[in-house]
């Protein structure tokens, strides 16, 4: 298993976790914090919102770091390095040298001194 494949699996896991954390949040302030109830519960409402906010930013940062690291580890062995378009255009247009344009000789200027 190559390093790129490992990064791909890690990126997929982080994406899934990020989706779950974002779906738990409610844009109007409800979400998981409203289902817990009052502040008597473990951590309270404010702590839940802080945890979800910090976990969202942390997962997003990890995702960006993994993407950058995976691009550095990508060797290009999965992609086709030969360009089919360039080969087709080279085969379609034969290489014919451009016709040589003869240089026109300018008449020699005669300087007549008076």
PDB file of N, CA and C in Angstrom:
ATOM      1  N   UNK A   1       0.858  -1.178   0.000  1.00  0.00           N
ATOM      2  CA  UNK A   1       0.000   0.000   0.000  1.00  0.00           C
ATOM      3  C   UNK A   1       0.902   1.239   0.000  1.00  0.00           C
ATOM      4  N   UNK A   2       0.675   2.112  -0.950  1.00  0.00           N
ATOM      5  CA  UNK A   2       1.536   3.287  -1.091  1.00  0.00           C
ATOM      6  C   UNK A   2       1.160   4.368  -0.083  1.00  0.00           C
ATOM      7  N   UNK A   3       2.032   5.332   0.043  1.00  0.00           N
ATOM      8  CA  UNK A   3       1.767   6.441   0.975  1.00  0.00           C
ATOM      9  C   UNK A   3       0.571   7.243   0.521  1.00  0.00           C
ATOM     10  N   UNK A   4       0.403   7.386  -0.776  1.00  0.00           N
ATOM     11  CA  UNK A   4      -0.743   8.136  -1.286  1.00  0.00           C
ATOM     12  C   UNK A   4      -2.043   7.438  -0.913  1.00  0.00           C
ATOM     13  N   UNK A   5      -2.076   6.112  -0.956  1.00  0.00           N
ATOM     14  CA  UNK A   5      -3.279   5.371  -0.584  1.00  0.00           C
ATOM     15  C   UNK A   5      -3.589   5.527   0.904  1.00  0.00           C
ATOM     16  N   UNK A   6      -2.550   5.566   1.715  1.00  0.00           N
ATOM     17  CA  UNK A   6      -2.750   5.775   3.150  1.00  0.00           C
ATOM     18  C   UNK A   6      -3.336   7.159   3.398  1.00  0.00           C
ATOM     19  N   UNK A   7      -2.792   8.167   2.726  1.00  0.00           N
ATOM     20  CA  UNK A   7      -3.329   9.516   2.863  1.00  0.00           C
ATOM     21  C   UNK A   7      -4.772   9.583   2.372  1.00  0.00           C
ATOM     22  N   UNK A   8      -5.080   8.859   1.314  1.00  0.00           N
ATOM     23  CA  UNK A   8      -6.438   8.851   0.781  1.00  0.00           C
ATOM     24  C   UNK A   8      -7.424   8.267   1.781  1.00  0.00           C
ATOM     25  N   UNK A   9      -7.039   7.199   2.459  1.00  0.00           N
ATOM     26  CA  UNK A   9      -7.900   6.598   3.489  1.00  0.00           C
ATOM     27  C   UNK A   9      -8.069   7.560   4.661  1.00  0.00           C
ATOM     28  N   UNK A  10      -6.985   8.193   5.101  1.00  0.00           N
ATOM     29  CA  UNK A  10      -7.069   9.145   6.216  1.00  0.00           C
ATOM     30  C   UNK A  10      -7.927  10.355   5.860  1.00  0.00           C
ATOM     31  N   UNK A  11      -7.800  10.848   4.637  1.00  0.00           N
ATOM     32  CA  UNK A  11      -8.622  11.983   4.192  1.00  0.00           C
ATOM     33  C   UNK A  11     -10.094  11.600   4.188  1.00  0.00           C
ATOM     34  N   UNK A  12     -10.411  10.384   3.755  1.00  0.00           N
ATOM     35  CA  UNK A  12     -11.795   9.925   3.737  1.00  0.00           C
ATOM     36  C   UNK A  12     -12.362   9.836   5.151  1.00  0.00           C
ATOM     37  N   UNK A  13     -11.582   9.329   6.090  1.00  0.00           N
ATOM     38  CA  UNK A  13     -12.043   9.220   7.478  1.00  0.00           C
ATOM     39  C   UNK A  13     -12.279  10.602   8.078  1.00  0.00           C
ATOM     40  N   UNK A  14     -11.337  11.527   7.851  1.00  0.00           N
ATOM     41  CA  UNK A  14     -11.490  12.884   8.384  1.00  0.00           C
ATOM     42  C   UNK A  14     -12.691  13.583   7.759  1.00  0.00           C
ATOM     43  N   UNK A  15     -12.924  13.368   6.475  1.00  0.00           N
ATOM     44  CA  UNK A  15     -14.098  13.958   5.814  1.00  0.00           C
ATOM     45  C   UNK A  15     -15.392  13.432   6.429  1.00  0.00           C
ATOM     46  N   UNK A  16     -15.443  12.138   6.677  1.00  0.00           N
ATOM     47  CA  UNK A  16     -16.634  11.556   7.290  1.00  0.00           C
ATOM     48  C   UNK A  16     -16.863  12.145   8.688  1.00  0.00           C
ATOM     49  N   UNK A  17     -15.806  12.240   9.491  1.00  0.00           N
ATOM     50  CA  UNK A  17     -15.937  12.820  10.834  1.00  0.00           C
ATOM     51  C   UNK A  17     -16.354  14.285  10.774  1.00  0.00           C
ATOM     52  N   UNK A  18     -15.826  15.019   9.824  1.00  0.00           N
ATOM     53  CA  UNK A  18     -16.184  16.421   9.674  1.00  0.00           C
ATOM     54  C   UNK A  18     -17.652  16.577   9.286  1.00  0.00           C
ATOM     55  N   UNK A  19     -18.139  15.701   8.425  1.00  0.00           N
ATOM     56  CA  UNK A  19     -19.555  15.736   8.048  1.00  0.00           C
ATOM     57  C   UNK A  19     -20.431  15.456   9.262  1.00  0.00           C
ATOM     58  N   UNK A  20     -20.044  14.472  10.067  1.00  0.00           N
ATOM     59  CA  UNK A  20     -20.834  14.132  11.256  1.00  0.00           C
ATOM     60  C   UNK A  20     -20.864  15.305  12.230  1.00  0.00           C
ATOM     61  N   UNK A  21     -19.712  15.927  12.478  1.00  0.00           N
ATOM     62  CA  UNK A  21     -19.657  17.041  13.429  1.00  0.00           C
ATOM     63  C   UNK A  21     -20.474  18.225  12.923  1.00  0.00           C
ATOM     64  N   UNK A  22     -20.415  18.501  11.631  1.00  0.00           N
ATOM     65  CA  UNK A  22     -21.181  19.622  11.083  1.00  0.00           C
ATOM     66  C   UNK A  22     -22.677  19.330  11.110  1.00  0.00           C
ATOM     67  N   UNK A  23     -23.064  18.096  10.840  1.00  0.00           N
ATOM     68  CA  UNK A  23     -24.492  17.753  10.853  1.00  0.00           C
ATOM     69  C   UNK A  23     -25.076  17.799  12.259  1.00  0.00           C
ATOM     70  N   UNK A  24     -24.255  17.578  13.294  1.00  0.00           N
ATOM     71  CA  UNK A  24     -24.743  17.631  14.665  1.00  0.00           C
ATOM     72  C   UNK A  24     -25.064  19.073  15.058  1.00  0.00           C
ATOM     73  N   UNK A  25     -24.331  20.015  14.488  1.00  0.00           N
ATOM     74  CA  UNK A  25     -24.550  21.425  14.829  1.00  0.00           C
ATOM     75  C   UNK A  25     -25.816  21.940  14.172  1.00  0.00           C
ATOM     76  N   UNK A  26     -26.419  22.947  14.794  1.00  0.00           N
ATOM     77  CA  UNK A  26     -27.586  23.614  14.240  1.00  0.00           C
ATOM     78  C   UNK A  26     -27.215  25.074  14.038  1.00  0.00           C
ATOM     79  N   UNK A  27     -27.455  25.637  12.864  1.00  0.00           N
ATOM     80  CA  UNK A  27     -27.036  27.012  12.617  1.00  0.00           C
ATOM     81  C   UNK A  27     -27.739  28.041  13.501  1.00  0.00           C
ATOM     82  N   UNK A  28     -28.889  27.712  14.056  1.00  0.00           N
ATOM     83  CA  UNK A  28     -29.630  28.656  14.880  1.00  0.00           C
ATOM     84  C   UNK A  28     -29.317  28.490  16.367  1.00  0.00           C
ATOM     85  N   UNK A  29     -28.330  27.692  16.711  1.00  0.00           N
ATOM     86  CA  UNK A  29     -27.958  27.551  18.104  1.00  0.00           C
ATOM     87  C   UNK A  29     -28.571  26.335  18.770  1.00  0.00           C
ATOM     88  N   UNK A  30     -29.316  25.540  18.057  1.00  0.00           N
ATOM     89  CA  UNK A  30     -29.914  24.346  18.637  1.00  0.00           C
ATOM     90  C   UNK A  30     -28.966  23.181  18.524  1.00  0.00           C
ATOM     91  N   UNK A  31     -29.320  22.204  17.722  1.00  0.00           N
ATOM     92  CA  UNK A  31     -28.458  21.056  17.483  1.00  0.00           C
ATOM     93  C   UNK A  31     -28.306  20.189  18.708  1.00  0.00           C
ATOM     94  N   UNK A  32     -27.136  19.642  18.907  1.00  0.00           N
ATOM     95  CA  UNK A  32     -26.871  18.750  20.018  1.00  0.00           C
ATOM     96  C   UNK A  32     -26.978  19.477  21.349  1.00  0.00           C
ATOM     97  N   UNK A  33     -26.614  20.750  21.379  1.00  0.00           N
ATOM     98  CA  UNK A  33     -26.653  21.493  22.634  1.00  0.00           C
ATOM     99  C   UNK A  33     -28.082  21.682  23.133  1.00  0.00           C
ATOM    100  N   UNK A  34     -29.072  21.753  22.250  1.00  0.00           N
ATOM    101  CA  UNK A  34     -30.451  21.933  22.704  1.00  0.00           C
ATOM    102  C   UNK A  34     -31.061  20.623  23.186  1.00  0.00           C
ATOM    103  N   UNK A  35     -30.557  19.503  22.722  1.00  0.00           N
ATOM    104  CA  UNK A  35     -31.112  18.224  23.164  1.00  0.00           C
ATOM    105  C   UNK A  35     -30.569  17.797  24.515  1.00  0.00           C
ATOM    106  N   UNK A  36     -29.460  18.375  24.947  1.00  0.00           N
ATOM    107  CA  UNK A  36     -28.883  18.004  26.233  1.00  0.00           C
ATOM    108  C   UNK A  36     -29.741  18.537  27.373  1.00  0.00           C
ATOM    109  N   UNK A  37     -30.258  19.723  27.218  1.00  0.00           N
ATOM    110  CA  UNK A  37     -31.103  20.266  28.275  1.00  0.00           C
ATOM    111  C   UNK A  37     -30.448  21.435  28.961  1.00  0.00           C
ATOM    112  N   UNK A  38     -30.450  21.436  30.248  1.00  0.00           N
ATOM    113  CA  UNK A  38     -29.926  22.556  31.019  1.00  0.00           C
ATOM    114  C   UNK A  38     -28.455  22.407  31.318  1.00  0.00           C
ATOM    115  N   UNK A  39     -28.008  23.281  32.184  1.00  0.00           N
ATOM    116  CA  UNK A  39     -26.595  23.278  32.528  1.00  0.00           C
ATOM    117  C   UNK A  39     -26.266  22.214  33.561  1.00  0.00           C
ATOM    118  N   UNK A  40     -27.282  21.480  34.055  1.00  0.00           N
ATOM    119  CA  UNK A  40     -26.996  20.426  35.011  1.00  0.00           C
ATOM    120  C   UNK A  40     -26.337  19.222  34.347  1.00  0.00           C
ATOM    121  N   UNK A  41     -26.469  19.100  33.040  1.00  0.00           N
ATOM    122  CA  UNK A  41     -25.880  17.969  32.342  1.00  0.00           C
ATOM    123  C   UNK A  41     -24.359  18.121  32.295  1.00  0.00           C
ATOM    124  N   UNK A  42     -23.718  17.066  31.885  1.00  0.00           N
ATOM    125  CA  UNK A  42     -22.256  17.040  31.849  1.00  0.00           C
ATOM    126  C   UNK A  42     -21.725  18.077  30.866  1.00  0.00           C
ATOM    127  N   UNK A  43     -21.019  19.048  31.351  1.00  0.00           N
ATOM    128  CA  UNK A  43     -20.422  20.057  30.488  1.00  0.00           C
ATOM    129  C   UNK A  43     -21.335  21.231  30.217  1.00  0.00           C
ATOM    130  N   UNK A  44     -22.616  21.056  30.140  1.00  0.00           N
ATOM    131  CA  UNK A  44     -23.532  22.153  29.858  1.00  0.00           C
ATOM    132  C   UNK A  44     -23.611  22.467  28.380  1.00  0.00           C
ATOM    133  N   UNK A  45     -24.489  23.421  28.066  1.00  0.00           N
ATOM    134  CA  UNK A  45     -24.749  23.784  26.674  1.00  0.00           C
ATOM    135  C   UNK A  45     -23.559  24.512  26.063  1.00  0.00           C
ATOM    136  N   UNK A  46     -22.988  25.432  26.797  1.00  0.00           N
ATOM    137  CA  UNK A  46     -21.883  26.214  26.259  1.00  0.00           C
ATOM    138  C   UNK A  46     -20.664  25.341  25.973  1.00  0.00           C
ATOM    139  N   UNK A  47     -20.409  24.379  26.839  1.00  0.00           N
ATOM    140  CA  UNK A  47     -19.257  23.495  26.639  1.00  0.00           C
ATOM    141  C   UNK A  47     -19.452  22.633  25.390  1.00  0.00           C
ATOM    142  N   UNK A  48     -20.698  22.191  25.141  1.00  0.00           N
ATOM    143  CA  UNK A  48     -20.974  21.380  23.948  1.00  0.00           C
ATOM    144  C   UNK A  48     -20.747  22.185  22.684  1.00  0.00           C
ATOM    145  N   UNK A  49     -21.226  23.435  22.680  1.00  0.00           N
ATOM    146  CA  UNK A  49     -21.036  24.290  21.510  1.00  0.00           C
ATOM    147  C   UNK A  49     -19.557  24.564  21.286  1.00  0.00           C
ATOM    148  N   UNK A  50     -18.816  24.822  22.363  1.00  0.00           N
ATOM    149  CA  UNK A  50     -17.372  25.051  22.238  1.00  0.00           C
ATOM    150  C   UNK A  50     -16.662  23.809  21.704  1.00  0.00           C
ATOM    151  N   UNK A  51     -17.058  22.635  22.202  1.00  0.00           N
ATOM    152  CA  UNK A  51     -16.436  21.396  21.744  1.00  0.00           C
ATOM    153  C   UNK A  51     -16.701  21.160  20.260  1.00  0.00           C
ATOM    154  N   UNK A  52     -17.945  21.375  19.829  1.00  0.00           N
ATOM    155  CA  UNK A  52     -18.274  21.168  18.415  1.00  0.00           C
ATOM    156  C   UNK A  52     -17.552  22.174  17.531  1.00  0.00           C
ATOM    157  N   UNK A  53     -17.444  23.413  18.004  1.00  0.00           N
ATOM    158  CA  UNK A  53     -16.750  24.436  17.232  1.00  0.00           C
ATOM    159  C   UNK A  53     -15.261  24.117  17.112  1.00  0.00           C
ATOM    160  N   UNK A  54     -14.636  23.746  18.220  1.00  0.00           N
ATOM    161  CA  UNK A  54     -13.206  23.413  18.197  1.00  0.00           C
ATOM    162  C   UNK A  54     -12.934  22.154  17.388  1.00  0.00           C
ATOM    163  N   UNK A  55     -13.825  21.168  17.483  1.00  0.00           N
ATOM    164  CA  UNK A  55     -13.607  19.935  16.720  1.00  0.00           C
ATOM    165  C   UNK A  55     -13.782  20.181  15.217  1.00  0.00           C
ATOM    166  N   UNK A  56     -14.682  21.089  14.849  1.00  0.00           N
ATOM    167  CA  UNK A  56     -14.853  21.420  13.433  1.00  0.00           C
ATOM    168  C   UNK A  56     -13.579  22.056  12.882  1.00  0.00           C
ATOM    169  N   UNK A  57     -13.046  23.032  13.595  1.00  0.00           N
ATOM    170  CA  UNK A  57     -11.830  23.702  13.139  1.00  0.00           C
ATOM    171  C   UNK A  57     -10.634  22.761  13.143  1.00  0.00           C
ATOM    172  N   UNK A  58     -10.563  21.893  14.149  1.00  0.00           N
ATOM    173  CA  UNK A  58      -9.451  20.943  14.220  1.00  0.00           C
ATOM    174  C   UNK A  58      -9.503  19.955  13.056  1.00  0.00           C
ATOM    175  N   UNK A  59     -10.688  19.407  12.788  1.00  0.00           N
ATOM    176  CA  UNK A  59     -10.810  18.455  11.682  1.00  0.00           C
ATOM    177  C   UNK A  59     -10.545  19.125  10.338  1.00  0.00           C
ATOM    178  N   UNK A  60     -10.990  20.371  10.189  1.00  0.00           N
ATOM    179  CA  UNK A  60     -10.729  21.091   8.934  1.00  0.00           C
ATOM    180  C   UNK A  60      -9.233  21.339   8.748  1.00  0.00           C
ATOM    181  N   UNK A  61      -8.546  21.666   9.825  1.00  0.00           N
ATOM    182  CA  UNK A  61      -7.099  21.880   9.748  1.00  0.00           C
ATOM    183  C   UNK A  61      -6.366  20.577   9.419  1.00  0.00           C
ATOM    184  N   UNK A  62      -6.791  19.491  10.056  1.00  0.00           N
ATOM    185  CA  UNK A  62      -6.193  18.187   9.770  1.00  0.00           C
ATOM    186  C   UNK A  62      -6.432  17.793   8.315  1.00  0.00           C
ATOM    187  N   UNK A  63      -7.636  18.073   7.810  1.00  0.00           N
ATOM    188  CA  UNK A  63      -7.966  17.748   6.420  1.00  0.00           C
ATOM    189  C   UNK A  63      -7.063  18.505   5.449  1.00  0.00           C
ATOM    190  N   UNK A  64      -6.865  19.790   5.678  1.00  0.00           N
ATOM    191  CA  UNK A  64      -6.011  20.588   4.799  1.00  0.00           C
ATOM    192  C   UNK A  64      -4.566  20.089   4.864  1.00  0.00           C
ATOM    193  N   UNK A  65      -4.102  19.772   6.069  1.00  0.00           N
ATOM    194  CA  UNK A  65      -2.729  19.262   6.215  1.00  0.00           C
ATOM    195  C   UNK A  65      -2.558  17.927   5.494  1.00  0.00           C
ATOM    196  N   UNK A  66      -3.546  17.043   5.613  1.00  0.00           N
ATOM    197  CA  UNK A  66      -3.463  15.750   4.933  1.00  0.00           C
ATOM    198  C   UNK A  66      -3.473  15.911   3.414  1.00  0.00           C
ATOM    199  N   UNK A  67      -4.264  16.846   2.932  1.00  0.00           N
ATOM    200  CA  UNK A  67      -4.326  17.081   1.488  1.00  0.00           C
ATOM    201  C   UNK A  67      -2.977  17.595   0.983  1.00  0.00           C
ATOM    202  N   UNK A  68      -2.377  18.532   1.724  1.00  0.00           N
ATOM    203  CA  UNK A  68      -1.073  19.053   1.309  1.00  0.00           C
ATOM    204  C   UNK A  68       0.008  17.978   1.377  1.00  0.00           C
ATOM    205  N   UNK A  69      -0.011  17.177   2.422  1.00  0.00           N
ATOM    206  CA  UNK A  69       0.980  16.105   2.541  1.00  0.00           C
ATOM    207  C   UNK A  69       0.789  15.037   1.465  1.00  0.00           C
ATOM    208  N   UNK A  70      -0.466  14.754   1.122  1.00  0.00           N
ATOM    209  CA  UNK A  70      -0.703  13.751   0.087  1.00  0.00           C
ATOM    210  C   UNK A  70      -0.252  14.247  -1.280  1.00  0.00           C
ATOM    211  N   UNK A  71      -0.376  15.550  -1.505  1.00  0.00           N
ATOM    212  CA  UNK A  71       0.097  16.074  -2.792  1.00  0.00           C
ATOM    213  C   UNK A  71       1.616  16.007  -2.882  1.00  0.00           C
ATOM    214  N   UNK A  72       2.297  16.112  -1.744  1.00  0.00           N
ATOM    215  CA  UNK A  72       3.747  15.984  -1.758  1.00  0.00           C
ATOM    216  C   UNK A  72       4.183  14.536  -1.965  1.00  0.00           C
ATOM    217  N   UNK A  73       3.383  13.599  -1.471  1.00  0.00           N
ATOM    218  CA  UNK A  73       3.755  12.186  -1.590  1.00  0.00           C
ATOM    219  C   UNK A  73       3.302  11.571  -2.910  1.00  0.00           C
ATOM    220  N   UNK A  74       2.523  12.300  -3.693  1.00  0.00           N
ATOM    221  CA  UNK A  74       2.010  11.774  -4.955  1.00  0.00           C
ATOM    222  C   UNK A  74       3.128  11.734  -5.979  1.00  0.00           C
ATOM    223  N   UNK A  75       3.382  10.548  -6.508  1.00  0.00           N
ATOM    224  CA  UNK A  75       4.470  10.383  -7.469  1.00  0.00           C
ATOM    225  C   UNK A  75       3.994  10.432  -8.910  1.00  0.00           C
ATOM    226  N   UNK A  76       2.710  10.356  -9.124  1.00  0.00           N
ATOM    227  CA  UNK A  76       2.186  10.390 -10.474  1.00  0.00           C
ATOM    228  C   UNK A  76       2.119   9.031 -11.122  1.00  0.00           C
ATOM    229  N   UNK A  77       2.338   7.962 -10.364  1.00  0.00           N
ATOM    230  CA  UNK A  77       2.323   6.625 -10.948  1.00  0.00           C
ATOM    231  C   UNK A  77       0.904   6.176 -11.285  1.00  0.00           C
ATOM    232  N   UNK A  78      -0.088   6.829 -10.689  1.00  0.00           N
ATOM    233  CA  UNK A  78      -1.471   6.448 -10.978  1.00  0.00           C
ATOM    234  C   UNK A  78      -1.995   7.106 -12.243  1.00  0.00           C
ATOM    235  N   UNK A  79      -1.356   8.169 -12.682  1.00  0.00           N
ATOM    236  CA  UNK A  79      -1.845   8.878 -13.853  1.00  0.00           C
ATOM    237  C   UNK A  79      -1.036   8.494 -15.082  1.00  0.00           C
ATOM    238  N   UNK A  80      -1.619   8.748 -16.220  1.00  0.00           N
ATOM    239  CA  UNK A  80      -0.952   8.473 -17.488  1.00  0.00           C
ATOM    240  C   UNK A  80      -0.107   9.680 -17.846  1.00  0.00           C
ATOM    241  N   UNK A  81       1.180   9.478 -17.929  1.00  0.00           N
ATOM    242  CA  UNK A  81       2.072  10.609 -18.173  1.00  0.00           C
ATOM    243  C   UNK A  81       2.176  10.956 -19.643  1.00  0.00           C
ATOM    244  N   UNK A  82       1.814  10.048 -20.520  1.00  0.00           N
ATOM    245  CA  UNK A  82       1.879  10.325 -21.947  1.00  0.00           C
ATOM    246  C   UNK A  82       0.615  11.061 -22.372  1.00  0.00           C
ATOM    247  N   UNK A  83       0.799  12.082 -23.159  1.00  0.00           N
ATOM    248  CA  UNK A  83      -0.330  12.866 -23.629  1.00  0.00           C
ATOM    249  C   UNK A  83      -0.790  12.322 -24.978  1.00  0.00           C
ATOM    250  N   UNK A  84      -2.016  11.847 -25.008  1.00  0.00           N
ATOM    251  CA  UNK A  84      -2.557  11.312 -26.257  1.00  0.00           C
ATOM    252  C   UNK A  84      -2.916  12.434 -27.226  1.00  0.00           C
ATOM    253  N   UNK A  85      -3.271  13.596 -26.702  1.00  0.00           N
ATOM    254  CA  UNK A  85      -3.667  14.708 -27.563  1.00  0.00           C
ATOM    255  C   UNK A  85      -2.472  15.199 -28.370  1.00  0.00           C
ATOM    256  N   UNK A  86      -1.333  15.311 -27.718  1.00  0.00           N
ATOM    257  CA  UNK A  86      -0.145  15.781 -28.429  1.00  0.00           C
ATOM    258  C   UNK A  86       0.273  14.770 -29.485  1.00  0.00           C
ATOM    259  N   UNK A  87       0.186  13.478 -29.162  1.00  0.00           N
ATOM    260  CA  UNK A  87       0.552  12.458 -30.141  1.00  0.00           C
ATOM    261  C   UNK A  87      -0.384  12.487 -31.337  1.00  0.00           C
ATOM    262  N   UNK A  88      -1.674  12.706 -31.131  1.00  0.00           N
ATOM    263  CA  UNK A  88      -2.635  12.742 -32.232  1.00  0.00           C
ATOM    264  C   UNK A  88      -2.405  13.952 -33.120  1.00  0.00           C
ATOM    265  N   UNK A  89      -2.141  15.105 -32.520  1.00  0.00           N
ATOM    266  CA  UNK A  89      -1.933  16.292 -33.348  1.00  0.00           C
ATOM    267  C   UNK A  89      -0.625  16.215 -34.113  1.00  0.00           C
ATOM    268  N   UNK A  90       0.390  15.590 -33.528  1.00  0.00           N
ATOM    269  CA  UNK A  90       1.648  15.437 -34.252  1.00  0.00           C
ATOM    270  C   UNK A  90       1.500  14.459 -35.405  1.00  0.00           C
ATOM    271  N   UNK A  91       0.690  13.425 -35.221  1.00  0.00           N
ATOM    272  CA  UNK A  91       0.487  12.449 -36.285  1.00  0.00           C
ATOM    273  C   UNK A  91      -0.400  13.019 -37.383  1.00  0.00           C
ATOM    274  N   UNK A  92      -1.339  13.889 -37.035  1.00  0.00           N
ATOM    275  CA  UNK A  92      -2.268  14.437 -38.015  1.00  0.00           C
ATOM    276  C   UNK A  92      -1.602  15.498 -38.884  1.00  0.00           C
ATOM    277  N   UNK A  93      -0.720  16.271 -38.341  1.00  0.00           N
ATOM    278  CA  UNK A  93      -0.068  17.315 -39.122  1.00  0.00           C
ATOM    279  C   UNK A  93       1.374  16.913 -39.369  1.00  0.00           C
ATOM    280  N   UNK A  94       1.684  16.547 -40.607  1.00  0.00           N
ATOM    281  CA  UNK A  94       3.071  16.173 -40.898  1.00  0.00           C
ATOM    282  C   UNK A  94       3.964  17.404 -40.801  1.00  0.00           C
ATOM    283  N   UNK A  95       5.150  17.163 -40.377  1.00  0.00           N
ATOM    284  CA  UNK A  95       6.072  18.288 -40.218  1.00  0.00           C
ATOM    285  C   UNK A  95       6.698  18.620 -41.567  1.00  0.00           C
ATOM    286  N   UNK A  96       6.261  19.695 -42.153  1.00  0.00           N
ATOM    287  CA  UNK A  96       6.778  20.175 -43.432  1.00  0.00           C
ATOM    288  C   UNK A  96       7.525  21.459 -43.139  1.00  0.00           C
ATOM    289  N   UNK A  97       8.744  21.554 -43.604  1.00  0.00           N
ATOM    290  CA  UNK A  97       9.474  22.801 -43.327  1.00  0.00           C
ATOM    291  C   UNK A  97       8.829  23.976 -44.045  1.00  0.00           C
ATOM    292  N   UNK A  98       8.891  25.098 -43.430  1.00  0.00           N
ATOM    293  CA  UNK A  98       8.313  26.299 -44.018  1.00  0.00           C
ATOM    294  C   UNK A  98       9.120  26.688 -45.247  1.00  0.00           C
ATOM    295  N   UNK A  99       8.435  27.174 -46.283  1.00  0.00           N
ATOM    296  CA  UNK A  99       9.177  27.561 -47.489  1.00  0.00           C
ATOM    297  C   UNK A  99      10.095  28.744 -47.176  1.00  0.00           C
ATOM    298  N   UNK A 100      11.261  28.633 -47.727  1.00  0.00           N
ATOM    299  CA  UNK A 100      12.246  29.687 -47.480  1.00  0.00           C
ATOM    300  C   UNK A 100      11.904  30.894 -48.335  1.00  0.00           C
ATOM    301  N   UNK A 101      11.838  32.036 -47.707  1.00  0.00           N
ATOM    302  CA  UNK A 101      11.564  33.277 -48.437  1.00  0.00           C
ATOM    303  C   UNK A 101      12.903  33.880 -48.811  1.00  0.00           C
ATOM    304  N   UNK A 102      13.143  34.023 -50.137  1.00  0.00           N
ATOM    305  CA  UNK A 102      14.442  34.585 -50.524  1.00  0.00           C
ATOM    306  C   UNK A 102      14.541  36.040 -50.087  1.00  0.00           C
ATOM    307  N   UNK A 103      15.699  36.367 -49.602  1.00  0.00           N
ATOM    308  CA  UNK A 103      15.914  37.747 -49.163  1.00  0.00           C
ATOM    309  C   UNK A 103      16.074  38.617 -50.399  1.00  0.00           C
ATOM    310  N   UNK A 104      15.384  39.719 -50.434  1.00  0.00           N
ATOM    311  CA  UNK A 104      15.476  40.625 -51.581  1.00  0.00           C
ATOM    312  C   UNK A 104      16.688  41.520 -51.382  1.00  0.00           C
ATOM    313  N   UNK A 105      17.443  41.560 -52.411  1.00  0.00           N
ATOM    314  CA  UNK A 105      18.636  42.405 -52.341  1.00  0.00           C
ATOM    315  C   UNK A 105      18.237  43.842 -52.602  1.00  0.00           C
ATOM    316  N   UNK A 106      18.577  44.667 -51.705  1.00  0.00           N
ATOM    317  CA  UNK A 106      18.287  46.083 -51.884  1.00  0.00           C
ATOM    318  C   UNK A 106      19.371  46.677 -52.766  1.00  0.00           C
ATOM    319  N   UNK A 107      18.976  47.519 -53.665  1.00  0.00           N
ATOM    320  CA  UNK A 107      20.007  48.140 -54.527  1.00  0.00           C
ATOM    321  C   UNK A 107      20.955  48.991 -53.689  1.00  0.00           C
ATOM    322  N   UNK A 108      22.165  48.939 -54.071  1.00  0.00           N
ATOM    323  CA  UNK A 108      23.162  49.682 -53.327  1.00  0.00           C
ATOM    324  C   UNK A 108      22.900  51.163 -53.497  1.00  0.00           C
ATOM    325  N   UNK A 109      22.960  51.834 -52.443  1.00  0.00           N
ATOM    326  CA  UNK A 109      22.705  53.280 -52.499  1.00  0.00           C
ATOM    327  C   UNK A 109      23.959  53.979 -53.013  1.00  0.00           C
ATOM    328  N   UNK A 110      23.733  54.818 -53.958  1.00  0.00           N
ATOM    329  CA  UNK A 110      24.858  55.568 -54.506  1.00  0.00           C
ATOM    330  C   UNK A 110      24.863  56.950 -53.895  1.00  0.00           C
ATOM    331  N   UNK A 111      25.912  57.231 -53.309  1.00  0.00           N
ATOM    332  CA  UNK A 111      26.055  58.558 -52.721  1.00  0.00           C
ATOM    333  C   UNK A 111      26.910  59.397 -53.692  1.00  0.00           C
ATOM    334  N   UNK A 112      26.268  60.303 -54.294  1.00  0.00           N
ATOM    335  CA  UNK A 112      27.034  61.161 -55.207  1.00  0.00           C
ATOM    336  C   UNK A 112      27.325  62.477 -54.475  1.00  0.00           C
ATOM    337  N   UNK A 113      28.532  62.760 -54.432  1.00  0.00           N
ATOM    338  CA  UNK A 113      28.926  63.985 -53.759  1.00  0.00           C
ATOM    339  C   UNK A 113      29.013  65.105 -54.774  1.00  0.00           C
ATOM    340  N   UNK A 114      28.445  66.198 -54.487  1.00  0.00           N
ATOM    341  CA  UNK A 114      28.450  67.340 -55.411  1.00  0.00           C
ATOM    342  C   UNK A 114      29.328  68.404 -54.903  1.00  0.00           C
TER     343      UNK A 114
END
